[in-house]
N, C-alpha and C. Protein backbone atom coordinates (compact mmCIF):
# COMPACT_ATOMS: atom_id res chain seq x y z
N MET A 1 -8.11 -19.56 -1.28
CA MET A 1 -8.22 -18.15 -1.61
C MET A 1 -9.45 -17.95 -2.50
N GLN A 2 -10.22 -16.94 -2.18
CA GLN A 2 -11.42 -16.62 -2.96
C GLN A 2 -11.02 -16.11 -4.35
N PRO A 3 -11.89 -16.30 -5.36
CA PRO A 3 -11.55 -15.87 -6.73
C PRO A 3 -11.20 -14.39 -6.84
N GLU A 4 -11.93 -13.54 -6.12
CA GLU A 4 -11.67 -12.09 -6.19
C GLU A 4 -10.37 -11.70 -5.50
N SER A 5 -9.90 -12.52 -4.59
CA SER A 5 -8.71 -12.21 -3.80
C SER A 5 -7.49 -11.98 -4.67
N GLU A 6 -7.28 -12.82 -5.65
CA GLU A 6 -6.09 -12.68 -6.49
C GLU A 6 -6.08 -11.33 -7.20
N LYS A 7 -7.23 -10.88 -7.71
CA LYS A 7 -7.28 -9.58 -8.37
C LYS A 7 -6.93 -8.45 -7.40
N LEU A 8 -7.47 -8.52 -6.20
CA LEU A 8 -7.17 -7.49 -5.20
C LEU A 8 -5.69 -7.48 -4.84
N LEU A 9 -5.10 -8.65 -4.70
CA LEU A 9 -3.67 -8.73 -4.39
C LEU A 9 -2.83 -8.22 -5.56
N GLN A 10 -3.26 -8.52 -6.78
CA GLN A 10 -2.55 -8.00 -7.96
C GLN A 10 -2.66 -6.47 -8.02
N ASP A 11 -3.81 -5.93 -7.66
CA ASP A 11 -3.97 -4.47 -7.60
C ASP A 11 -2.98 -3.86 -6.61
N MET A 12 -2.80 -4.52 -5.48
CA MET A 12 -1.83 -4.04 -4.50
C MET A 12 -0.42 -4.02 -5.09
N ILE A 13 -0.06 -5.09 -5.77
CA ILE A 13 1.28 -5.19 -6.35
C ILE A 13 1.49 -4.10 -7.40
N LEU A 14 0.51 -3.90 -8.26
CA LEU A 14 0.62 -2.86 -9.28
C LEU A 14 0.80 -1.48 -8.64
N ALA A 15 0.00 -1.18 -7.63
CA ALA A 15 0.10 0.12 -6.96
C ALA A 15 1.47 0.29 -6.31
N ALA A 16 1.97 -0.75 -5.67
CA ALA A 16 3.30 -0.68 -5.04
C ALA A 16 4.39 -0.51 -6.08
N ASP A 17 4.25 -1.19 -7.21
CA ASP A 17 5.23 -1.02 -8.29
C ASP A 17 5.23 0.41 -8.81
N LEU A 18 4.05 1.01 -8.93
CA LEU A 18 3.98 2.40 -9.37
C LEU A 18 4.64 3.34 -8.37
N VAL A 19 4.41 3.10 -7.09
CA VAL A 19 5.06 3.91 -6.05
C VAL A 19 6.58 3.82 -6.20
N ALA A 20 7.08 2.61 -6.35
CA ALA A 20 8.53 2.43 -6.50
C ALA A 20 9.04 3.20 -7.72
N GLU A 21 8.29 3.15 -8.80
CA GLU A 21 8.69 3.87 -10.01
C GLU A 21 8.67 5.39 -9.77
N PHE A 22 7.66 5.87 -9.08
CA PHE A 22 7.53 7.32 -8.84
C PHE A 22 8.70 7.88 -8.05
N VAL A 23 9.22 7.13 -7.09
CA VAL A 23 10.25 7.66 -6.19
C VAL A 23 11.63 7.06 -6.44
N GLU A 24 11.76 6.30 -7.49
CA GLU A 24 12.98 5.54 -7.78
C GLU A 24 14.26 6.37 -7.66
N THR A 25 14.26 7.56 -8.16
CA THR A 25 15.49 8.37 -8.17
C THR A 25 15.45 9.51 -7.16
N MET A 26 14.50 9.46 -6.25
CA MET A 26 14.31 10.57 -5.32
C MET A 26 14.96 10.31 -3.97
N SER A 27 15.42 11.39 -3.39
CA SER A 27 15.82 11.36 -1.99
C SER A 27 14.60 11.75 -1.16
N GLU A 28 14.71 11.59 0.14
CA GLU A 28 13.61 12.02 1.01
C GLU A 28 13.36 13.52 0.83
N ARG A 29 14.42 14.26 0.75
CA ARG A 29 14.28 15.72 0.58
C ARG A 29 13.53 16.05 -0.70
N ASP A 30 13.88 15.36 -1.81
CA ASP A 30 13.19 15.57 -3.08
C ASP A 30 11.71 15.24 -2.95
N TYR A 31 11.45 14.10 -2.30
CA TYR A 31 10.07 13.67 -2.12
C TYR A 31 9.27 14.70 -1.32
N LEU A 32 9.82 15.14 -0.22
CA LEU A 32 9.11 16.09 0.63
C LEU A 32 8.87 17.42 -0.08
N ALA A 33 9.70 17.75 -1.04
CA ALA A 33 9.57 19.02 -1.76
C ALA A 33 8.61 18.93 -2.95
N SER A 34 8.19 17.74 -3.31
CA SER A 34 7.38 17.56 -4.52
C SER A 34 5.93 17.22 -4.20
N THR A 35 5.07 18.20 -4.32
CA THR A 35 3.64 17.96 -4.12
C THR A 35 3.12 16.94 -5.12
N LEU A 36 3.60 16.99 -6.34
CA LEU A 36 3.17 16.05 -7.38
C LEU A 36 3.48 14.62 -6.98
N HIS A 37 4.70 14.35 -6.57
CA HIS A 37 5.08 13.00 -6.19
C HIS A 37 4.36 12.54 -4.92
N ARG A 38 4.23 13.42 -3.95
CA ARG A 38 3.52 13.05 -2.73
C ARG A 38 2.07 12.68 -3.04
N SER A 39 1.44 13.45 -3.90
CA SER A 39 0.05 13.16 -4.27
C SER A 39 -0.07 11.83 -5.00
N ALA A 40 0.84 11.58 -5.92
CA ALA A 40 0.81 10.32 -6.68
C ALA A 40 1.04 9.12 -5.77
N VAL A 41 1.99 9.24 -4.87
CA VAL A 41 2.30 8.15 -3.94
C VAL A 41 1.10 7.90 -3.02
N GLU A 42 0.52 8.97 -2.49
CA GLU A 42 -0.62 8.81 -1.59
C GLU A 42 -1.78 8.12 -2.30
N ARG A 43 -2.01 8.43 -3.57
CA ARG A 43 -3.09 7.79 -4.33
C ARG A 43 -2.83 6.28 -4.44
N GLN A 44 -1.62 5.90 -4.73
CA GLN A 44 -1.30 4.48 -4.87
C GLN A 44 -1.36 3.76 -3.52
N LEU A 45 -0.92 4.43 -2.46
CA LEU A 45 -1.03 3.83 -1.13
C LEU A 45 -2.50 3.68 -0.73
N PHE A 46 -3.33 4.63 -1.15
CA PHE A 46 -4.76 4.51 -0.93
C PHE A 46 -5.29 3.24 -1.61
N ILE A 47 -4.84 2.99 -2.84
CA ILE A 47 -5.27 1.79 -3.58
C ILE A 47 -4.83 0.53 -2.84
N VAL A 48 -3.60 0.51 -2.34
CA VAL A 48 -3.13 -0.64 -1.57
C VAL A 48 -4.06 -0.88 -0.38
N GLY A 49 -4.37 0.16 0.35
CA GLY A 49 -5.24 0.03 1.52
C GLY A 49 -6.67 -0.33 1.16
N GLU A 50 -7.16 0.23 0.07
CA GLU A 50 -8.52 -0.09 -0.35
C GLU A 50 -8.64 -1.54 -0.81
N ALA A 51 -7.63 -2.02 -1.53
CA ALA A 51 -7.64 -3.42 -1.94
C ALA A 51 -7.66 -4.33 -0.71
N LEU A 52 -6.88 -3.99 0.31
CA LEU A 52 -6.89 -4.78 1.54
C LEU A 52 -8.23 -4.67 2.27
N SER A 53 -8.80 -3.50 2.27
CA SER A 53 -10.10 -3.33 2.91
C SER A 53 -11.15 -4.22 2.24
N GLN A 54 -11.16 -4.24 0.93
CA GLN A 54 -12.09 -5.10 0.21
C GLN A 54 -11.76 -6.57 0.45
N LEU A 55 -10.47 -6.90 0.50
CA LEU A 55 -10.06 -8.27 0.77
C LEU A 55 -10.57 -8.74 2.13
N SER A 56 -10.56 -7.86 3.10
CA SER A 56 -11.04 -8.23 4.44
C SER A 56 -12.50 -8.66 4.42
N ARG A 57 -13.27 -8.14 3.48
CA ARG A 57 -14.68 -8.50 3.38
C ARG A 57 -14.89 -9.77 2.56
N VAL A 58 -14.14 -9.92 1.47
CA VAL A 58 -14.39 -11.07 0.59
C VAL A 58 -13.60 -12.31 0.98
N ASP A 59 -12.48 -12.11 1.69
CA ASP A 59 -11.62 -13.25 2.04
C ASP A 59 -10.86 -12.95 3.32
N PRO A 60 -11.56 -12.96 4.45
CA PRO A 60 -10.91 -12.62 5.73
C PRO A 60 -9.69 -13.47 6.05
N GLU A 61 -9.69 -14.71 5.65
CA GLU A 61 -8.56 -15.59 5.94
C GLU A 61 -7.29 -15.11 5.24
N THR A 62 -7.41 -14.75 3.98
CA THR A 62 -6.25 -14.24 3.24
C THR A 62 -5.83 -12.88 3.81
N PHE A 63 -6.79 -12.04 4.14
CA PHE A 63 -6.50 -10.74 4.75
C PHE A 63 -5.65 -10.92 6.01
N GLU A 64 -6.06 -11.83 6.87
CA GLU A 64 -5.35 -12.06 8.13
C GLU A 64 -3.96 -12.65 7.92
N ALA A 65 -3.72 -13.24 6.75
CA ALA A 65 -2.40 -13.82 6.46
C ALA A 65 -1.37 -12.76 6.06
N ILE A 66 -1.81 -11.53 5.91
CA ILE A 66 -0.90 -10.44 5.51
C ILE A 66 -0.52 -9.65 6.76
N PRO A 67 0.74 -9.75 7.19
CA PRO A 67 1.16 -8.99 8.38
C PRO A 67 0.94 -7.48 8.18
N GLY A 68 0.39 -6.85 9.19
CA GLY A 68 0.18 -5.40 9.13
C GLY A 68 -1.02 -4.97 8.31
N ALA A 69 -1.86 -5.90 7.88
CA ALA A 69 -2.99 -5.54 7.01
C ALA A 69 -3.91 -4.53 7.68
N ARG A 70 -4.20 -4.72 8.93
CA ARG A 70 -5.10 -3.78 9.63
C ARG A 70 -4.49 -2.39 9.73
N ARG A 71 -3.20 -2.34 9.95
CA ARG A 71 -2.50 -1.05 10.02
C ARG A 71 -2.54 -0.33 8.67
N ILE A 72 -2.41 -1.11 7.59
CA ILE A 72 -2.44 -0.53 6.25
C ILE A 72 -3.83 0.03 5.95
N VAL A 73 -4.87 -0.71 6.32
CA VAL A 73 -6.24 -0.22 6.10
C VAL A 73 -6.47 1.04 6.94
N SER A 74 -5.95 1.07 8.15
CA SER A 74 -6.08 2.27 8.98
C SER A 74 -5.40 3.47 8.33
N PHE A 75 -4.24 3.22 7.73
CA PHE A 75 -3.54 4.31 7.04
C PHE A 75 -4.33 4.77 5.82
N ARG A 76 -4.97 3.84 5.12
CA ARG A 76 -5.83 4.19 3.99
C ARG A 76 -6.94 5.12 4.47
N ASN A 77 -7.48 4.85 5.66
CA ASN A 77 -8.54 5.69 6.20
C ASN A 77 -8.04 7.10 6.49
N VAL A 78 -6.81 7.20 6.95
CA VAL A 78 -6.21 8.53 7.15
C VAL A 78 -6.08 9.24 5.81
N LEU A 79 -5.60 8.54 4.80
CA LEU A 79 -5.47 9.15 3.48
C LEU A 79 -6.82 9.63 2.95
N ALA A 80 -7.86 8.86 3.20
CA ALA A 80 -9.18 9.19 2.68
C ALA A 80 -9.90 10.26 3.50
N HIS A 81 -9.77 10.19 4.81
CA HIS A 81 -10.61 11.03 5.67
C HIS A 81 -9.85 12.00 6.56
N GLY A 82 -8.57 11.76 6.74
CA GLY A 82 -7.81 12.60 7.66
C GLY A 82 -6.61 13.23 6.99
N TYR A 83 -6.81 13.71 5.77
CA TYR A 83 -5.69 14.21 4.97
C TYR A 83 -4.83 15.23 5.71
N ALA A 84 -5.41 15.99 6.61
CA ALA A 84 -4.64 17.00 7.34
C ALA A 84 -3.67 16.35 8.33
N GLN A 85 -3.86 15.06 8.62
CA GLN A 85 -3.02 14.36 9.58
C GLN A 85 -1.84 13.64 8.91
N ILE A 86 -1.76 13.69 7.60
CA ILE A 86 -0.72 12.94 6.89
C ILE A 86 0.65 13.54 7.21
N ASP A 87 1.53 12.69 7.66
CA ASP A 87 2.91 13.06 7.95
C ASP A 87 3.76 12.58 6.78
N ASP A 88 4.21 13.50 5.95
CA ASP A 88 4.94 13.13 4.74
C ASP A 88 6.22 12.37 5.03
N ALA A 89 6.88 12.70 6.12
CA ALA A 89 8.09 11.97 6.50
C ALA A 89 7.74 10.52 6.88
N ARG A 90 6.59 10.32 7.50
CA ARG A 90 6.15 8.96 7.83
C ARG A 90 5.82 8.18 6.56
N VAL A 91 5.21 8.84 5.59
CA VAL A 91 4.92 8.18 4.31
C VAL A 91 6.24 7.74 3.67
N TRP A 92 7.24 8.60 3.67
CA TRP A 92 8.54 8.23 3.12
C TRP A 92 9.10 7.00 3.85
N ASP A 93 8.96 6.99 5.15
CA ASP A 93 9.44 5.85 5.95
C ASP A 93 8.71 4.56 5.54
N ILE A 94 7.42 4.66 5.31
CA ILE A 94 6.64 3.50 4.84
C ILE A 94 7.20 3.01 3.51
N LEU A 95 7.50 3.93 2.62
CA LEU A 95 8.04 3.57 1.30
C LEU A 95 9.38 2.86 1.43
N GLN A 96 10.21 3.34 2.34
CA GLN A 96 11.55 2.81 2.48
C GLN A 96 11.61 1.51 3.29
N ASN A 97 10.68 1.34 4.23
CA ASN A 97 10.83 0.25 5.20
C ASN A 97 9.70 -0.77 5.26
N ASP A 98 8.52 -0.43 4.77
CA ASP A 98 7.37 -1.31 4.99
C ASP A 98 6.75 -1.86 3.71
N LEU A 99 6.64 -1.03 2.71
CA LEU A 99 5.85 -1.39 1.53
C LEU A 99 6.37 -2.64 0.83
N GLN A 100 7.66 -2.70 0.59
CA GLN A 100 8.20 -3.86 -0.13
C GLN A 100 8.07 -5.15 0.66
N ALA A 101 8.17 -5.08 1.98
CA ALA A 101 7.99 -6.28 2.81
C ALA A 101 6.55 -6.78 2.70
N THR A 102 5.60 -5.86 2.69
CA THR A 102 4.20 -6.25 2.54
C THR A 102 3.98 -6.90 1.18
N ILE A 103 4.55 -6.31 0.14
CA ILE A 103 4.38 -6.87 -1.21
C ILE A 103 5.05 -8.24 -1.31
N ALA A 104 6.16 -8.43 -0.65
CA ALA A 104 6.80 -9.75 -0.63
C ALA A 104 5.87 -10.77 0.01
N ASP A 105 5.18 -10.39 1.09
CA ASP A 105 4.21 -11.28 1.72
C ASP A 105 3.05 -11.60 0.77
N VAL A 106 2.60 -10.59 0.04
CA VAL A 106 1.51 -10.80 -0.92
C VAL A 106 1.96 -11.73 -2.02
N ASN A 107 3.17 -11.54 -2.52
CA ASN A 107 3.68 -12.44 -3.57
C ASN A 107 3.77 -13.89 -3.09
N LYS A 108 4.12 -14.09 -1.82
CA LYS A 108 4.15 -15.44 -1.27
C LYS A 108 2.75 -16.06 -1.26
N LEU A 109 1.76 -15.25 -0.90
CA LEU A 109 0.40 -15.77 -0.91
C LEU A 109 -0.05 -16.15 -2.31
N LEU A 110 0.31 -15.33 -3.28
CA LEU A 110 -0.08 -15.62 -4.66
C LEU A 110 0.64 -16.86 -5.20
N ALA A 111 1.80 -17.17 -4.66
CA ALA A 111 2.57 -18.32 -5.14
C ALA A 111 2.05 -19.64 -4.58
N ARG A 112 1.20 -19.56 -3.56
CA ARG A 112 0.66 -20.81 -2.97
C ARG A 112 -0.28 -21.47 -3.96
N PRO A 113 -0.25 -22.81 -3.99
CA PRO A 113 -1.16 -23.53 -4.90
C PRO A 113 -2.62 -23.43 -4.46
């Protein structure tokens, strides 16, 4: 793993932890009704995707070891450039079903010697 890789992976973990904190007590309905929470979550998901995008350049091998990394970077591009295409219900689904699995994979990579 490249020296910069660990920092980028830690940035991903921090952003995911913040997302979890932001929505910890929310239902999907609450989330969809809160512009503040949706904006905060989208910013942190952008950071997750940006960290992966940078990782792809500095350490392609580690990037490829993260399942769904390309899909996450693509979603980051939607957040950055296609804001009108954001489906808030899909973002909620990512929070409930995908984000923690990705972070678990990242934690496994960081645990390797």
